[in-house]
Amino acid sequence: MKPTPKSALLSVGEVAARSGLSVSAIHFYESKGLIHSRRNAGNQRRYRRDVLRRLAVIRIAQRTGLPLASIGEALDTLPQARTPTVEDWRRLSRHWRKELDERIGRLTQLRDQLTGCIGCGCLSLKKCPLRNPSDELGADGSGPRLLDADSL
């Protein structure tokens, strides 16, 4: 990694102020390996300026409901020594699109079935015999089953 001029490094407080995140959130993301810092001679964390872009990507991805594990996997594909580019963002977006489409489908199905049945949890004794005759889904264990089933 190319050495970074001291003026290009930010303290955790500066990163917090610029990103709108709390210091504890920044430390949390670092503990999860989503961002990285170095230590100065006084053992204080110092961050490269490109961490601000990474934090913005993390926040956007979290707002869409992506789990930190998916975010981390995607960020691992980015070079550590530079700010993510527009092309990097396009690649990440394509990677996340399928996962988001699946999530949207599950949420739409949940919304549409919520008043009549919760996928058979069982909250509707009158309708469940039609959707789940003889409690066939009960063999798979307790909890909702229809929301994860491909077809029923």
N, C-alpha and C. Protein backbone atom coordinates (compact mmCIF):
# COMPACT_ATOMS: atom_id res chain seq x y z
N MET A 1 0.84 -1.17 0.00
CA MET A 1 0.00 0.00 0.00
C MET A 1 0.89 1.24 0.00
N LYS A 2 0.57 2.19 -0.83
CA LYS A 2 1.33 3.43 -0.95
C LYS A 2 1.20 4.25 0.33
N PRO A 3 2.31 4.83 0.84
CA PRO A 3 2.21 5.64 2.05
C PRO A 3 1.26 6.81 1.86
N THR A 4 0.54 7.15 2.89
CA THR A 4 -0.43 8.24 2.84
C THR A 4 0.13 9.44 3.58
N PRO A 5 0.08 10.64 2.98
CA PRO A 5 0.54 11.82 3.70
C PRO A 5 -0.29 12.02 4.97
N LYS A 6 0.35 12.50 6.04
CA LYS A 6 -0.35 12.67 7.32
C LYS A 6 -1.60 13.54 7.17
N SER A 7 -1.55 14.54 6.32
CA SER A 7 -2.71 15.44 6.15
C SER A 7 -3.91 14.72 5.56
N ALA A 8 -3.68 13.56 4.91
CA ALA A 8 -4.78 12.83 4.30
C ALA A 8 -5.46 11.89 5.30
N LEU A 9 -4.89 11.76 6.49
CA LEU A 9 -5.46 10.87 7.49
C LEU A 9 -6.41 11.62 8.41
N LEU A 10 -7.50 10.95 8.79
CA LEU A 10 -8.52 11.56 9.64
C LEU A 10 -8.59 10.83 10.98
N SER A 11 -8.85 11.57 12.03
CA SER A 11 -9.11 10.96 13.32
C SER A 11 -10.51 10.37 13.31
N VAL A 12 -10.81 9.53 14.29
CA VAL A 12 -12.15 8.94 14.35
C VAL A 12 -13.20 10.03 14.56
N GLY A 13 -12.86 11.07 15.31
CA GLY A 13 -13.80 12.18 15.50
C GLY A 13 -14.08 12.92 14.20
N GLU A 14 -13.03 13.10 13.40
CA GLU A 14 -13.23 13.77 12.10
C GLU A 14 -14.08 12.90 11.17
N VAL A 15 -13.83 11.59 11.19
CA VAL A 15 -14.64 10.68 10.36
C VAL A 15 -16.10 10.73 10.82
N ALA A 16 -16.30 10.73 12.13
CA ALA A 16 -17.67 10.80 12.67
C ALA A 16 -18.36 12.08 12.23
N ALA A 17 -17.67 13.20 12.34
CA ALA A 17 -18.26 14.49 11.96
C ALA A 17 -18.58 14.53 10.47
N ARG A 18 -17.69 14.02 9.65
CA ARG A 18 -17.88 14.07 8.20
C ARG A 18 -18.91 13.05 7.71
N SER A 19 -19.01 11.91 8.39
CA SER A 19 -19.91 10.85 7.92
C SER A 19 -21.30 10.91 8.54
N GLY A 20 -21.42 11.62 9.66
CA GLY A 20 -22.69 11.66 10.36
C GLY A 20 -22.93 10.44 11.23
N LEU A 21 -21.92 9.62 11.39
CA LEU A 21 -22.02 8.42 12.23
C LEU A 21 -21.43 8.69 13.60
N SER A 22 -21.83 7.90 14.56
CA SER A 22 -21.22 8.02 15.89
C SER A 22 -19.85 7.34 15.87
N VAL A 23 -19.02 7.73 16.81
CA VAL A 23 -17.71 7.10 16.95
C VAL A 23 -17.88 5.61 17.21
N SER A 24 -18.86 5.25 18.03
CA SER A 24 -19.07 3.83 18.33
C SER A 24 -19.47 3.05 17.07
N ALA A 25 -20.25 3.65 16.19
CA ALA A 25 -20.62 2.98 14.93
C ALA A 25 -19.39 2.76 14.06
N ILE A 26 -18.52 3.75 14.01
CA ILE A 26 -17.28 3.61 13.23
C ILE A 26 -16.43 2.48 13.80
N HIS A 27 -16.30 2.44 15.10
CA HIS A 27 -15.54 1.36 15.74
C HIS A 27 -16.19 0.01 15.46
N PHE A 28 -17.53 -0.03 15.50
CA PHE A 28 -18.24 -1.27 15.22
C PHE A 28 -17.95 -1.76 13.80
N TYR A 29 -18.06 -0.86 12.81
CA TYR A 29 -17.79 -1.25 11.43
C TYR A 29 -16.35 -1.73 11.27
N GLU A 30 -15.45 -1.11 11.99
CA GLU A 30 -14.06 -1.54 11.93
C GLU A 30 -13.90 -2.93 12.57
N SER A 31 -14.58 -3.17 13.67
CA SER A 31 -14.49 -4.48 14.32
C SER A 31 -15.04 -5.59 13.43
N LYS A 32 -15.96 -5.25 12.54
CA LYS A 32 -16.54 -6.22 11.60
C LYS A 32 -15.70 -6.34 10.33
N GLY A 33 -14.62 -5.56 10.22
CA GLY A 33 -13.76 -5.63 9.05
C GLY A 33 -14.27 -4.88 7.84
N LEU A 34 -15.27 -4.02 8.03
CA LEU A 34 -15.84 -3.28 6.90
C LEU A 34 -14.99 -2.08 6.52
N ILE A 35 -14.30 -1.51 7.50
CA ILE A 35 -13.37 -0.40 7.26
C ILE A 35 -12.09 -0.70 8.05
N HIS A 36 -11.05 0.06 7.74
CA HIS A 36 -9.75 -0.18 8.37
C HIS A 36 -9.13 1.14 8.77
N SER A 37 -8.31 1.08 9.80
CA SER A 37 -7.56 2.25 10.24
C SER A 37 -6.12 1.84 10.48
N ARG A 38 -5.29 2.83 10.72
CA ARG A 38 -3.93 2.59 11.19
C ARG A 38 -3.79 3.27 12.51
N ARG A 39 -2.75 2.97 13.20
CA ARG A 39 -2.47 3.61 14.49
C ARG A 39 -1.29 4.55 14.33
N ASN A 40 -1.42 5.73 14.94
CA ASN A 40 -0.29 6.67 14.91
C ASN A 40 0.65 6.36 16.08
N ALA A 41 1.66 7.17 16.25
CA ALA A 41 2.66 6.94 17.31
C ALA A 41 2.02 6.95 18.70
N GLY A 42 0.93 7.69 18.86
CA GLY A 42 0.22 7.74 20.14
C GLY A 42 -0.85 6.67 20.26
N ASN A 43 -0.84 5.70 19.33
CA ASN A 43 -1.78 4.58 19.31
C ASN A 43 -3.23 5.03 19.06
N GLN A 44 -3.41 6.16 18.39
CA GLN A 44 -4.75 6.63 18.03
C GLN A 44 -5.07 6.17 16.62
N ARG A 45 -6.34 5.85 16.40
CA ARG A 45 -6.77 5.42 15.07
C ARG A 45 -6.69 6.60 14.10
N ARG A 46 -6.26 6.29 12.90
CA ARG A 46 -6.25 7.25 11.80
C ARG A 46 -6.80 6.55 10.56
N TYR A 47 -7.69 7.25 9.87
CA TYR A 47 -8.37 6.68 8.71
C TYR A 47 -8.00 7.44 7.46
N ARG A 48 -7.87 6.69 6.37
CA ARG A 48 -7.69 7.32 5.06
C ARG A 48 -9.01 8.00 4.68
N ARG A 49 -8.95 9.01 3.86
CA ARG A 49 -10.15 9.74 3.47
C ARG A 49 -11.15 8.87 2.70
N ASP A 50 -10.66 7.85 2.02
CA ASP A 50 -11.59 7.00 1.26
C ASP A 50 -12.53 6.22 2.16
N VAL A 51 -12.26 6.20 3.47
CA VAL A 51 -13.18 5.53 4.40
C VAL A 51 -14.55 6.21 4.39
N LEU A 52 -14.57 7.50 4.08
CA LEU A 52 -15.86 8.22 4.03
C LEU A 52 -16.76 7.65 2.95
N ARG A 53 -16.20 7.31 1.80
CA ARG A 53 -17.00 6.72 0.72
C ARG A 53 -17.46 5.33 1.12
N ARG A 54 -16.59 4.56 1.72
CA ARG A 54 -16.97 3.23 2.17
C ARG A 54 -18.11 3.30 3.19
N LEU A 55 -18.02 4.23 4.10
CA LEU A 55 -19.09 4.39 5.10
C LEU A 55 -20.40 4.78 4.43
N ALA A 56 -20.33 5.62 3.41
CA ALA A 56 -21.54 6.00 2.68
C ALA A 56 -22.16 4.77 2.00
N VAL A 57 -21.33 3.92 1.41
CA VAL A 57 -21.82 2.69 0.77
C VAL A 57 -22.45 1.78 1.81
N ILE A 58 -21.82 1.65 2.97
CA ILE A 58 -22.36 0.81 4.04
C ILE A 58 -23.73 1.31 4.47
N ARG A 59 -23.84 2.61 4.67
CA ARG A 59 -25.13 3.17 5.12
C ARG A 59 -26.22 2.97 4.09
N ILE A 60 -25.90 3.19 2.82
CA ILE A 60 -26.89 2.99 1.76
C ILE A 60 -27.33 1.53 1.71
N ALA A 61 -26.36 0.63 1.77
CA ALA A 61 -26.68 -0.80 1.72
C ALA A 61 -27.53 -1.21 2.92
N GLN A 62 -27.21 -0.68 4.09
CA GLN A 62 -28.01 -1.01 5.28
C GLN A 62 -29.43 -0.47 5.15
N ARG A 63 -29.58 0.69 4.57
CA ARG A 63 -30.94 1.25 4.39
C ARG A 63 -31.79 0.38 3.49
N THR A 64 -31.17 -0.33 2.57
CA THR A 64 -31.94 -1.21 1.70
C THR A 64 -32.26 -2.53 2.37
N GLY A 65 -31.71 -2.73 3.57
CA GLY A 65 -32.00 -3.94 4.33
C GLY A 65 -30.98 -5.05 4.15
N LEU A 66 -29.87 -4.76 3.49
CA LEU A 66 -28.86 -5.80 3.31
C LEU A 66 -28.15 -6.08 4.63
N PRO A 67 -27.91 -7.34 4.92
CA PRO A 67 -27.20 -7.68 6.15
C PRO A 67 -25.72 -7.31 6.05
N LEU A 68 -25.11 -7.06 7.20
CA LEU A 68 -23.69 -6.68 7.22
C LEU A 68 -22.80 -7.72 6.55
N ALA A 69 -23.17 -9.00 6.65
CA ALA A 69 -22.37 -10.05 6.00
C ALA A 69 -22.31 -9.83 4.49
N SER A 70 -23.44 -9.50 3.86
CA SER A 70 -23.47 -9.25 2.41
C SER A 70 -22.68 -7.99 2.07
N ILE A 71 -22.82 -6.99 2.91
CA ILE A 71 -22.09 -5.74 2.69
C ILE A 71 -20.59 -6.01 2.77
N GLY A 72 -20.18 -6.76 3.78
CA GLY A 72 -18.77 -7.08 3.95
C GLY A 72 -18.21 -7.86 2.77
N GLU A 73 -18.97 -8.85 2.29
CA GLU A 73 -18.52 -9.63 1.13
C GLU A 73 -18.31 -8.73 -0.08
N ALA A 74 -19.22 -7.81 -0.29
CA ALA A 74 -19.09 -6.90 -1.44
C ALA A 74 -17.91 -5.96 -1.26
N LEU A 75 -17.76 -5.41 -0.07
CA LEU A 75 -16.65 -4.48 0.16
C LEU A 75 -15.30 -5.18 0.04
N ASP A 76 -15.26 -6.47 0.33
CA ASP A 76 -14.01 -7.22 0.19
C ASP A 76 -13.54 -7.29 -1.25
N THR A 77 -14.43 -7.04 -2.19
CA THR A 77 -14.04 -7.07 -3.61
C THR A 77 -13.42 -5.75 -4.05
N LEU A 78 -13.50 -4.73 -3.20
CA LEU A 78 -12.95 -3.42 -3.55
C LEU A 78 -11.48 -3.33 -3.15
N PRO A 79 -10.69 -2.60 -3.93
CA PRO A 79 -9.30 -2.38 -3.53
C PRO A 79 -9.24 -1.54 -2.26
N GLN A 80 -8.35 -1.88 -1.34
CA GLN A 80 -8.23 -1.16 -0.08
C GLN A 80 -7.52 0.18 -0.24
N ALA A 81 -6.76 0.35 -1.28
CA ALA A 81 -5.89 1.51 -1.38
C ALA A 81 -6.48 2.69 -2.15
N ARG A 82 -7.78 2.64 -2.44
CA ARG A 82 -8.37 3.78 -3.15
C ARG A 82 -9.86 3.91 -2.85
N THR A 83 -10.38 5.07 -3.18
CA THR A 83 -11.80 5.34 -3.02
C THR A 83 -12.58 4.53 -4.05
N PRO A 84 -13.70 3.90 -3.66
CA PRO A 84 -14.52 3.20 -4.66
C PRO A 84 -14.98 4.17 -5.76
N THR A 85 -14.97 3.67 -6.97
CA THR A 85 -15.35 4.48 -8.13
C THR A 85 -16.81 4.25 -8.50
N VAL A 86 -17.27 4.98 -9.49
CA VAL A 86 -18.63 4.79 -10.01
C VAL A 86 -18.78 3.36 -10.53
N GLU A 87 -17.77 2.86 -11.22
CA GLU A 87 -17.83 1.48 -11.73
C GLU A 87 -17.88 0.47 -10.58
N ASP A 88 -17.13 0.74 -9.52
CA ASP A 88 -17.21 -0.13 -8.35
C ASP A 88 -18.64 -0.16 -7.81
N TRP A 89 -19.25 1.01 -7.72
CA TRP A 89 -20.63 1.09 -7.21
C TRP A 89 -21.59 0.34 -8.12
N ARG A 90 -21.40 0.46 -9.43
CA ARG A 90 -22.27 -0.28 -10.36
C ARG A 90 -22.14 -1.79 -10.15
N ARG A 91 -20.92 -2.25 -9.97
CA ARG A 91 -20.68 -3.67 -9.75
C ARG A 91 -21.34 -4.12 -8.45
N LEU A 92 -21.18 -3.34 -7.38
CA LEU A 92 -21.82 -3.68 -6.12
C LEU A 92 -23.34 -3.70 -6.27
N SER A 93 -23.86 -2.73 -6.99
CA SER A 93 -25.31 -2.64 -7.19
C SER A 93 -25.83 -3.87 -7.93
N ARG A 94 -25.12 -4.30 -8.95
CA ARG A 94 -25.53 -5.51 -9.67
C ARG A 94 -25.48 -6.73 -8.75
N HIS A 95 -24.48 -6.79 -7.93
CA HIS A 95 -24.33 -7.90 -6.99
C HIS A 95 -25.51 -7.94 -6.01
N TRP A 96 -25.92 -6.78 -5.53
CA TRP A 96 -26.99 -6.71 -4.53
C TRP A 96 -28.39 -6.77 -5.13
N ARG A 97 -28.51 -6.50 -6.41
CA ARG A 97 -29.84 -6.41 -7.04
C ARG A 97 -30.65 -7.69 -6.86
N LYS A 98 -30.04 -8.85 -7.09
CA LYS A 98 -30.77 -10.12 -6.98
C LYS A 98 -31.24 -10.32 -5.54
N GLU A 99 -30.36 -10.07 -4.60
CA GLU A 99 -30.73 -10.23 -3.19
C GLU A 99 -31.87 -9.29 -2.81
N LEU A 100 -31.82 -8.06 -3.30
CA LEU A 100 -32.88 -7.10 -3.01
C LEU A 100 -34.19 -7.49 -3.67
N ASP A 101 -34.13 -7.97 -4.92
CA ASP A 101 -35.34 -8.42 -5.61
C ASP A 101 -36.01 -9.56 -4.86
N GLU A 102 -35.20 -10.50 -4.35
CA GLU A 102 -35.76 -11.61 -3.58
C GLU A 102 -36.40 -11.10 -2.29
N ARG A 103 -35.75 -10.16 -1.64
CA ARG A 103 -36.28 -9.59 -0.40
C ARG A 103 -37.59 -8.85 -0.67
N ILE A 104 -37.63 -8.09 -1.75
CA ILE A 104 -38.85 -7.37 -2.11
C ILE A 104 -39.98 -8.36 -2.37
N GLY A 105 -39.68 -9.46 -3.06
CA GLY A 105 -40.69 -10.48 -3.32
C GLY A 105 -41.24 -11.08 -2.03
N ARG A 106 -40.35 -11.39 -1.09
CA ARG A 106 -40.80 -11.96 0.20
C ARG A 106 -41.63 -10.95 0.98
N LEU A 107 -41.22 -9.69 0.97
CA LEU A 107 -41.97 -8.66 1.69
C LEU A 107 -43.33 -8.42 1.05
N THR A 108 -43.39 -8.44 -0.27
CA THR A 108 -44.66 -8.27 -0.96
C THR A 108 -45.60 -9.43 -0.64
N GLN A 109 -45.06 -10.63 -0.64
CA GLN A 109 -45.87 -11.81 -0.30
C GLN A 109 -46.36 -11.72 1.14
N LEU A 110 -45.50 -11.31 2.04
CA LEU A 110 -45.89 -11.16 3.44
C LEU A 110 -46.99 -10.12 3.57
N ARG A 111 -46.82 -8.98 2.92
CA ARG A 111 -47.84 -7.93 2.98
C ARG A 111 -49.18 -8.43 2.46
N ASP A 112 -49.14 -9.13 1.35
CA ASP A 112 -50.38 -9.59 0.73
C ASP A 112 -51.07 -10.69 1.53
N GLN A 113 -50.31 -11.47 2.30
CA GLN A 113 -50.90 -12.56 3.07
C GLN A 113 -51.12 -12.20 4.53
N LEU A 114 -50.67 -11.04 4.95
CA LEU A 114 -50.65 -10.70 6.37
C LEU A 114 -52.03 -10.73 7.02
N THR A 115 -53.05 -10.25 6.35
CA THR A 115 -54.36 -10.20 7.00
C THR A 115 -55.04 -11.56 7.05
N GLY A 116 -54.75 -12.44 6.11
CA GLY A 116 -55.42 -13.73 6.10
C GLY A 116 -54.61 -14.83 6.73
N CYS A 117 -53.30 -14.76 6.61
CA CYS A 117 -52.46 -15.83 7.12
C CYS A 117 -51.03 -15.31 7.18
N ILE A 118 -50.31 -15.74 8.15
CA ILE A 118 -48.92 -15.33 8.28
C ILE A 118 -48.02 -16.47 7.87
N GLY A 119 -48.39 -17.15 6.90
CA GLY A 119 -47.57 -18.06 6.17
C GLY A 119 -47.30 -19.43 6.72
N CYS A 120 -47.77 -20.10 7.33
CA CYS A 120 -48.75 -20.59 8.24
C CYS A 120 -48.14 -20.71 9.62
N GLY A 121 -48.49 -19.74 10.43
CA GLY A 121 -47.93 -19.65 11.77
C GLY A 121 -48.63 -20.33 12.89
N CYS A 122 -49.80 -20.42 13.06
CA CYS A 122 -51.05 -20.34 12.34
C CYS A 122 -51.94 -19.30 13.02
N LEU A 123 -52.32 -18.29 12.27
CA LEU A 123 -53.14 -17.23 12.84
C LEU A 123 -54.57 -17.26 12.32
N SER A 124 -54.85 -18.07 11.35
CA SER A 124 -56.19 -18.11 10.78
C SER A 124 -56.68 -19.55 10.71
N LEU A 125 -57.41 -19.96 11.72
CA LEU A 125 -57.88 -21.34 11.77
C LEU A 125 -58.87 -21.66 10.66
N LYS A 126 -59.62 -20.64 10.19
CA LYS A 126 -60.60 -20.89 9.15
C LYS A 126 -59.94 -21.07 7.79
N LYS A 127 -58.88 -20.33 7.53
CA LYS A 127 -58.25 -20.39 6.20
C LYS A 127 -57.12 -21.40 6.11
N CYS A 128 -56.44 -21.67 7.19
CA CYS A 128 -55.30 -22.58 7.13
C CYS A 128 -55.63 -23.97 6.60
N PRO A 129 -56.78 -24.53 6.93
CA PRO A 129 -57.08 -25.84 6.34
C PRO A 129 -57.09 -25.79 4.81
N LEU A 130 -57.35 -24.64 4.23
CA LEU A 130 -57.33 -24.52 2.77
C LEU A 130 -55.89 -24.40 2.25
N ARG A 131 -55.05 -23.70 2.99
CA ARG A 131 -53.68 -23.47 2.54
C ARG A 131 -52.74 -24.56 3.03
N ASN A 132 -53.11 -25.20 4.16
CA ASN A 132 -52.23 -26.16 4.80
C ASN A 132 -53.06 -27.33 5.33
N PRO A 133 -53.66 -28.10 4.42
CA PRO A 133 -54.55 -29.18 4.86
C PRO A 133 -53.83 -30.16 5.78
N SER A 134 -54.54 -30.56 6.83
CA SER A 134 -54.04 -31.53 7.81
C SER A 134 -52.69 -31.13 8.39
N ASP A 135 -52.42 -29.83 8.40
CA ASP A 135 -51.18 -29.30 8.95
C ASP A 135 -49.95 -29.99 8.37
N GLU A 136 -49.94 -30.17 7.03
CA GLU A 136 -48.82 -30.83 6.35
C GLU A 136 -47.50 -30.10 6.60
N LEU A 137 -47.57 -28.78 6.71
CA LEU A 137 -46.34 -28.02 6.93
C LEU A 137 -45.79 -28.20 8.34
N GLY A 138 -46.62 -28.68 9.26
CA GLY A 138 -46.17 -28.91 10.63
C GLY A 138 -45.03 -29.92 10.70
N ALA A 139 -44.94 -30.81 9.72
CA ALA A 139 -43.86 -31.80 9.69
C ALA A 139 -42.49 -31.13 9.53
N ASP A 140 -42.49 -29.91 8.99
CA ASP A 140 -41.23 -29.18 8.80
C ASP A 140 -40.80 -28.41 10.04
N GLY A 141 -41.60 -28.45 11.08
CA GLY A 141 -41.27 -27.73 12.30
C GLY A 141 -42.23 -26.58 12.54
N SER A 142 -42.01 -25.88 13.63
CA SER A 142 -42.91 -24.78 13.98
C SER A 142 -42.53 -23.52 13.23
N GLY A 143 -43.45 -22.56 13.22
CA GLY A 143 -43.20 -21.26 12.60
C GLY A 143 -43.74 -21.16 11.20
N PRO A 144 -43.63 -19.96 10.60
CA PRO A 144 -44.15 -19.73 9.26
C PRO A 144 -43.39 -20.52 8.21
N ARG A 145 -44.10 -21.12 7.31
CA ARG A 145 -43.49 -21.94 6.26
C ARG A 145 -43.82 -21.45 4.85
N LEU A 146 -45.02 -20.93 4.66
CA LEU A 146 -45.46 -20.60 3.31
C LEU A 146 -44.66 -19.45 2.70
N LEU A 147 -44.15 -18.57 3.50
CA LEU A 147 -43.43 -17.43 2.95
C LEU A 147 -42.12 -17.86 2.30
N ASP A 148 -41.54 -18.95 2.75
CA ASP A 148 -40.30 -19.42 2.19
C ASP A 148 -40.50 -20.53 1.15
N ALA A 149 -41.72 -21.01 1.04
CA ALA A 149 -41.99 -22.07 0.08
C ALA A 149 -42.05 -21.49 -1.33
N ASP A 150 -41.47 -22.20 -2.29
CA ASP A 150 -41.48 -21.72 -3.67
C ASP A 150 -42.89 -21.72 -4.24
N SER A 151 -43.67 -22.72 -3.89
CA SER A 151 -45.05 -22.76 -4.37
C SER A 151 -45.90 -23.63 -3.46
N LEU A 152 -47.06 -23.14 -3.17
CA LEU A 152 -48.06 -23.89 -2.41
C LEU A 152 -49.41 -23.42 -2.81
